[in-house]
Amino acid sequence: MRGVLARLGAPAVVSHASAAVLHGLDVWNLPLDLVHLTRNRASGARRGRDLHLHVGPLSDADVTRVGGIAVTTPARTAIDIARERPFAQALVVADAALRAPHTDRADLDGALRAAAGRTGVRNAARVVAFADGRSASPGESLSRLLFHRSGLPEPVPQREITGWNGERVATVDV
């Protein structure tokens, strides 16, 4: 990422799947062969052999730093992915974003509102509505989705089981 950023020459922010990896978010079945960057511009997007340069609105609130690298926040990252990728892939990232430090449902909702009018925002809204930070892994996210699509009762992730004295005994999915 650092090499692609340096070669690019002009300021850009790590985004999409590349940002998810930098944040340590779960990714499932996302192509990771290109470095994704975003510039705060209306035009100039392009793809190269190792780069996918996105363009679009990018506010200061959308950007944080990881290891000294400017990167979209977990919430903005989840919305960017949800606007462009299939539901299941996006759900895994959105669930992970909700588990990320300093990220909550309000952050995801705010990033979704900021994306209003952009391509894929309806898909992103469906992902946000279904996202649940209690899903502790890609497997749990995908299982929840399969239960839903099959018409089965939705599982309750990370349910606390307590003993007779109120002490936590275990955490299970029911």
C-alpha atoms as a PDB file:
ATOM      1  CA  MET A   1       0.000   0.000   0.000  1.00  0.00           C
ATOM      2  CA  ARG A   2       2.767   2.404   0.911  1.00  0.00           C
ATOM      3  CA  GLY A   3       4.476   1.737  -2.419  1.00  0.00           C
ATOM      4  CA  VAL A   4       1.328   2.359  -4.448  1.00  0.00           C
ATOM      5  CA  LEU A   5       0.593   5.519  -2.455  1.00  0.00           C
ATOM      6  CA  ALA A   6       4.120   6.819  -3.011  1.00  0.00           C
ATOM      7  CA  ARG A   7       4.001   6.044  -6.725  1.00  0.00           C
ATOM      8  CA  LEU A   8       0.636   7.775  -7.092  1.00  0.00           C
ATOM      9  CA  GLY A   9       2.190  11.065  -6.084  1.00  0.00           C
ATOM     10  CA  ALA A  10      -1.049  12.926  -5.265  1.00  0.00           C
ATOM     11  CA  PRO A  11      -2.889  12.565  -1.954  1.00  0.00           C
ATOM     12  CA  ALA A  12      -5.231   9.602  -1.640  1.00  0.00           C
ATOM     13  CA  VAL A  13      -6.785   7.620   1.191  1.00  0.00           C
ATOM     14  CA  VAL A  14      -6.691   3.828   1.521  1.00  0.00           C
ATOM     15  CA  SER A  15     -10.269   2.592   1.143  1.00  0.00           C
ATOM     16  CA  HIS A  16     -12.579  -0.335   0.384  1.00  0.00           C
ATOM     17  CA  ALA A  17     -11.079  -3.823   0.875  1.00  0.00           C
ATOM     18  CA  SER A  18      -7.607  -2.385   1.486  1.00  0.00           C
ATOM     19  CA  ALA A  19      -8.965  -0.268   4.354  1.00  0.00           C
ATOM     20  CA  ALA A  20     -10.798  -3.286   5.780  1.00  0.00           C
ATOM     21  CA  VAL A  21      -7.502  -5.192   5.871  1.00  0.00           C
ATOM     22  CA  LEU A  22      -5.660  -2.266   7.522  1.00  0.00           C
ATOM     23  CA  HIS A  23      -8.366  -2.027  10.188  1.00  0.00           C
ATOM     24  CA  GLY A  24      -8.195  -5.775  10.795  1.00  0.00           C
ATOM     25  CA  LEU A  25     -11.854  -6.214   9.818  1.00  0.00           C
ATOM     26  CA  ASP A  26     -13.049  -9.612   8.712  1.00  0.00           C
ATOM     27  CA  VAL A  27     -13.217  -9.977   4.956  1.00  0.00           C
ATOM     28  CA  TRP A  28     -14.787 -12.922   3.205  1.00  0.00           C
ATOM     29  CA  ASN A  29     -14.354 -13.655  -0.459  1.00  0.00           C
ATOM     30  CA  LEU A  30     -13.268 -10.092  -1.271  1.00  0.00           C
ATOM     31  CA  PRO A  31     -10.638  -9.773  -3.989  1.00  0.00           C
ATOM     32  CA  LEU A  32      -7.437  -8.476  -2.409  1.00  0.00           C
ATOM     33  CA  ASP A  33      -5.283  -8.263  -5.536  1.00  0.00           C
ATOM     34  CA  LEU A  34      -5.566  -4.475  -5.912  1.00  0.00           C
ATOM     35  CA  VAL A  35      -4.795  -1.615  -3.545  1.00  0.00           C
ATOM     36  CA  HIS A  36      -7.962   0.468  -3.235  1.00  0.00           C
ATOM     37  CA  LEU A  37      -7.523   4.209  -2.801  1.00  0.00           C
ATOM     38  CA  THR A  38     -10.014   7.075  -2.841  1.00  0.00           C
ATOM     39  CA  ARG A  39      -9.512  10.703  -3.782  1.00  0.00           C
ATOM     40  CA  ASN A  40     -11.882  13.517  -2.905  1.00  0.00           C
ATOM     41  CA  ARG A  41     -12.695  14.345  -6.516  1.00  0.00           C
ATOM     42  CA  ALA A  42     -15.603  14.105  -8.937  1.00  0.00           C
ATOM     43  CA  SER A  43     -13.650  12.360 -11.707  1.00  0.00           C
ATOM     44  CA  GLY A  44     -10.398  10.566 -12.430  1.00  0.00           C
ATOM     45  CA  ALA A  45     -11.157   7.032 -11.246  1.00  0.00           C
ATOM     46  CA  ARG A  46      -8.985   4.347 -12.803  1.00  0.00           C
ATOM     47  CA  ARG A  47      -7.745   0.787 -12.509  1.00  0.00           C
ATOM     48  CA  GLY A  48      -4.233  -0.488 -13.027  1.00  0.00           C
ATOM     49  CA  ARG A  49      -2.424  -3.757 -12.505  1.00  0.00           C
ATOM     50  CA  ASP A  50      -2.142  -3.185  -8.737  1.00  0.00           C
ATOM     51  CA  LEU A  51      -4.423  -0.185  -8.106  1.00  0.00           C
ATOM     52  CA  HIS A  52      -8.120   0.662  -8.100  1.00  0.00           C
ATOM     53  CA  LEU A  53      -8.445   4.412  -7.668  1.00  0.00           C
ATOM     54  CA  HIS A  54     -11.935   5.497  -6.609  1.00  0.00           C
ATOM     55  CA  VAL A  55     -13.195   9.080  -6.605  1.00  0.00           C
ATOM     56  CA  GLY A  56     -15.985  10.697  -4.658  1.00  0.00           C
ATOM     57  CA  PRO A  57     -16.835  12.851  -1.668  1.00  0.00           C
ATOM     58  CA  LEU A  58     -14.458  12.267   1.225  1.00  0.00           C
ATOM     59  CA  SER A  59     -14.843  14.376   4.372  1.00  0.00           C
ATOM     60  CA  ASP A  60     -12.404  14.693   7.259  1.00  0.00           C
ATOM     61  CA  ALA A  61     -14.857  12.621   9.342  1.00  0.00           C
ATOM     62  CA  ASP A  62     -14.432   9.742   6.839  1.00  0.00           C
ATOM     63  CA  VAL A  63     -10.683   9.495   7.407  1.00  0.00           C
ATOM     64  CA  THR A  64      -8.542   8.175  10.232  1.00  0.00           C
ATOM     65  CA  ARG A  65      -4.948   6.962  10.428  1.00  0.00           C
ATOM     66  CA  VAL A  66      -3.647   3.431  10.874  1.00  0.00           C
ATOM     67  CA  GLY A  67       0.109   3.012  11.195  1.00  0.00           C
ATOM     68  CA  GLY A  68       0.592   6.529   9.845  1.00  0.00           C
ATOM     69  CA  ILE A  69      -1.483   5.808   6.720  1.00  0.00           C
ATOM     70  CA  ALA A  70      -4.618   7.809   5.902  1.00  0.00           C
ATOM     71  CA  VAL A  71      -7.475   5.312   5.683  1.00  0.00           C
ATOM     72  CA  THR A  72     -11.262   5.493   5.589  1.00  0.00           C
ATOM     73  CA  THR A  73     -12.937   4.841   8.939  1.00  0.00           C
ATOM     74  CA  PRO A  74     -14.396   1.378   9.571  1.00  0.00           C
ATOM     75  CA  ALA A  75     -17.922   2.765   9.032  1.00  0.00           C
ATOM     76  CA  ARG A  76     -17.059   4.483   5.729  1.00  0.00           C
ATOM     77  CA  THR A  77     -15.148   1.362   4.658  1.00  0.00           C
ATOM     78  CA  ALA A  78     -18.179  -0.850   5.327  1.00  0.00           C
ATOM     79  CA  ILE A  79     -20.454   1.469   3.335  1.00  0.00           C
ATOM     80  CA  ASP A  80     -18.024   1.673   0.403  1.00  0.00           C
ATOM     81  CA  ILE A  81     -17.844  -2.113   0.236  1.00  0.00           C
ATOM     82  CA  ALA A  82     -21.620  -2.509   0.676  1.00  0.00           C
ATOM     83  CA  ARG A  83     -22.239  -0.127  -2.236  1.00  0.00           C
ATOM     84  CA  GLU A  84     -20.122  -2.236  -4.604  1.00  0.00           C
ATOM     85  CA  ARG A  85     -19.939  -5.862  -3.488  1.00  0.00           C
ATOM     86  CA  PRO A  86     -22.501  -8.664  -3.082  1.00  0.00           C
ATOM     87  CA  PHE A  87     -24.592  -8.685   0.104  1.00  0.00           C
ATOM     88  CA  ALA A  88     -22.822 -11.584   1.867  1.00  0.00           C
ATOM     89  CA  GLN A  89     -19.343 -10.126   1.358  1.00  0.00           C
ATOM     90  CA  ALA A  90     -20.521  -6.714   2.532  1.00  0.00           C
ATOM     91  CA  LEU A  91     -22.335  -8.141   5.559  1.00  0.00           C
ATOM     92  CA  VAL A  92     -19.176  -9.779   6.881  1.00  0.00           C
ATOM     93  CA  VAL A  93     -17.370  -6.419   6.749  1.00  0.00           C
ATOM     94  CA  ALA A  94     -20.315  -4.469   8.223  1.00  0.00           C
ATOM     95  CA  ASP A  95     -20.644  -6.891  11.148  1.00  0.00           C
ATOM     96  CA  ALA A  96     -16.887  -6.604  11.765  1.00  0.00           C
ATOM     97  CA  ALA A  97     -17.070  -2.797  11.572  1.00  0.00           C
ATOM     98  CA  LEU A  98     -19.726  -2.819  14.299  1.00  0.00           C
ATOM     99  CA  ARG A  99     -17.291  -4.777  16.490  1.00  0.00           C
ATOM    100  CA  ALA A 100     -14.399  -2.390  15.754  1.00  0.00           C
ATOM    101  CA  PRO A 101     -13.271  -0.067  18.534  1.00  0.00           C
ATOM    102  CA  HIS A 102     -14.924   3.365  18.418  1.00  0.00           C
ATOM    103  CA  THR A 103     -17.480   2.267  15.788  1.00  0.00           C
ATOM    104  CA  ASP A 104     -21.169   1.766  16.456  1.00  0.00           C
ATOM    105  CA  ARG A 105     -24.510   1.693  14.672  1.00  0.00           C
ATOM    106  CA  ALA A 106     -24.702   5.511  14.685  1.00  0.00           C
ATOM    107  CA  ASP A 107     -21.369   5.659  12.823  1.00  0.00           C
ATOM    108  CA  LEU A 108     -22.618   3.180  10.211  1.00  0.00           C
ATOM    109  CA  ASP A 109     -25.911   5.075   9.852  1.00  0.00           C
ATOM    110  CA  GLY A 110     -24.029   8.371   9.494  1.00  0.00           C
ATOM    111  CA  ALA A 111     -21.737   6.980   6.797  1.00  0.00           C
ATOM    112  CA  LEU A 112     -24.797   5.633   5.001  1.00  0.00           C
ATOM    113  CA  ARG A 113     -26.522   9.044   5.132  1.00  0.00           C
ATOM    114  CA  ALA A 114     -23.358  10.684   3.786  1.00  0.00           C
ATOM    115  CA  ALA A 115     -23.446   8.295   0.804  1.00  0.00           C
ATOM    116  CA  ALA A 116     -26.998   9.344  -0.147  1.00  0.00           C
ATOM    117  CA  GLY A 117     -27.441   9.663  -3.890  1.00  0.00           C
ATOM    118  CA  ARG A 118     -24.373   7.606  -4.744  1.00  0.00           C
ATOM    119  CA  THR A 119     -24.432   4.390  -6.744  1.00  0.00           C
ATOM    120  CA  GLY A 120     -25.236   1.315  -4.658  1.00  0.00           C
ATOM    121  CA  VAL A 121     -26.571   3.151  -1.608  1.00  0.00           C
ATOM    122  CA  ARG A 122     -29.778   1.060  -1.598  1.00  0.00           C
ATOM    123  CA  ASN A 123     -27.698  -2.102  -1.362  1.00  0.00           C
ATOM    124  CA  ALA A 124     -25.671  -0.528   1.423  1.00  0.00           C
ATOM    125  CA  ALA A 125     -28.868   0.375   3.303  1.00  0.00           C
ATOM    126  CA  ARG A 126     -29.995  -3.267   3.206  1.00  0.00           C
ATOM    127  CA  VAL A 127     -26.613  -4.395   4.538  1.00  0.00           C
ATOM    128  CA  VAL A 128     -26.685  -1.805   7.346  1.00  0.00           C
ATOM    129  CA  ALA A 129     -30.229  -2.825   8.325  1.00  0.00           C
ATOM    130  CA  PHE A 130     -29.164  -6.472   8.627  1.00  0.00           C
ATOM    131  CA  ALA A 131     -25.728  -5.896  10.206  1.00  0.00           C
ATOM    132  CA  ASP A 132     -25.212  -7.125  13.757  1.00  0.00           C
ATOM    133  CA  GLY A 133     -21.951  -6.602  15.617  1.00  0.00           C
ATOM    134  CA  ARG A 134     -22.753  -9.567  17.852  1.00  0.00           C
ATOM    135  CA  SER A 135     -21.791 -11.882  14.979  1.00  0.00           C
ATOM    136  CA  ALA A 136     -18.279 -12.732  16.083  1.00  0.00           C
ATOM    137  CA  SER A 137     -16.918 -14.196  12.847  1.00  0.00           C
ATOM    138  CA  PRO A 138     -17.567 -14.425   9.115  1.00  0.00           C
ATOM    139  CA  GLY A 139     -19.136 -17.841   9.751  1.00  0.00           C
ATOM    140  CA  GLU A 140     -21.653 -16.367  12.166  1.00  0.00           C
ATOM    141  CA  SER A 141     -22.494 -13.520   9.781  1.00  0.00           C
ATOM    142  CA  LEU A 142     -23.018 -15.925   6.895  1.00  0.00           C
ATOM    143  CA  SER A 143     -25.007 -18.363   9.036  1.00  0.00           C
ATOM    144  CA  ARG A 144     -27.352 -15.556  10.123  1.00  0.00           C
ATOM    145  CA  LEU A 145     -27.843 -14.657   6.481  1.00  0.00           C
ATOM    146  CA  LEU A 146     -28.536 -18.276   5.486  1.00  0.00           C
ATOM    147  CA  PHE A 147     -31.058 -18.672   8.314  1.00  0.00           C
ATOM    148  CA  HIS A 148     -32.800 -15.491   7.150  1.00  0.00           C
ATOM    149  CA  ARG A 149     -32.862 -16.507   3.496  1.00  0.00           C
ATOM    150  CA  SER A 150     -34.191 -19.952   4.432  1.00  0.00           C
ATOM    151  CA  GLY A 151     -37.043 -18.504   6.489  1.00  0.00           C
ATOM    152  CA  LEU A 152     -35.653 -19.962   9.721  1.00  0.00           C
ATOM    153  CA  PRO A 153     -35.843 -18.070  13.015  1.00  0.00           C
ATOM    154  CA  GLU A 154     -32.967 -15.638  13.328  1.00  0.00           C
ATOM    155  CA  PRO A 155     -30.314 -16.854  15.773  1.00  0.00           C
ATOM    156  CA  VAL A 156     -29.352 -14.724  18.758  1.00  0.00           C
ATOM    157  CA  PRO A 157     -25.570 -14.333  18.645  1.00  0.00           C
ATOM    158  CA  GLN A 158     -23.463 -14.200  21.790  1.00  0.00           C
ATOM    159  CA  ARG A 159     -26.238 -14.937  24.292  1.00  0.00           C
ATOM    160  CA  GLU A 160     -24.984 -14.907  27.865  1.00  0.00           C
ATOM    161  CA  ILE A 161     -25.799 -17.993  29.961  1.00  0.00           C
ATOM    162  CA  THR A 162     -25.728 -17.414  33.701  1.00  0.00           C
ATOM    163  CA  GLY A 163     -25.766 -19.803  36.608  1.00  0.00           C
ATOM    164  CA  TRP A 164     -28.192 -19.804  39.539  1.00  0.00           C
ATOM    165  CA  ASN A 165     -26.065 -17.169  41.279  1.00  0.00           C
ATOM    166  CA  GLY A 166     -26.113 -14.802  38.275  1.00  0.00           C
ATOM    167  CA  GLU A 167     -22.484 -15.483  37.383  1.00  0.00           C
ATOM    168  CA  ARG A 168     -21.722 -15.853  33.661  1.00  0.00           C
ATOM    169  CA  VAL A 169     -21.229 -19.486  32.741  1.00  0.00           C
ATOM    170  CA  ALA A 170     -20.923 -19.293  28.961  1.00  0.00           C
ATOM    171  CA  THR A 171     -21.687 -17.334  25.815  1.00  0.00           C
ATOM    172  CA  VAL A 172     -23.509 -19.220  23.064  1.00  0.00           C
ATOM    173  CA  ASP A 173     -25.447 -18.602  19.867  1.00  0.00           C
ATOM    174  CA  VAL A 174     -29.081 -19.660  20.130  1.00  0.00           C
END
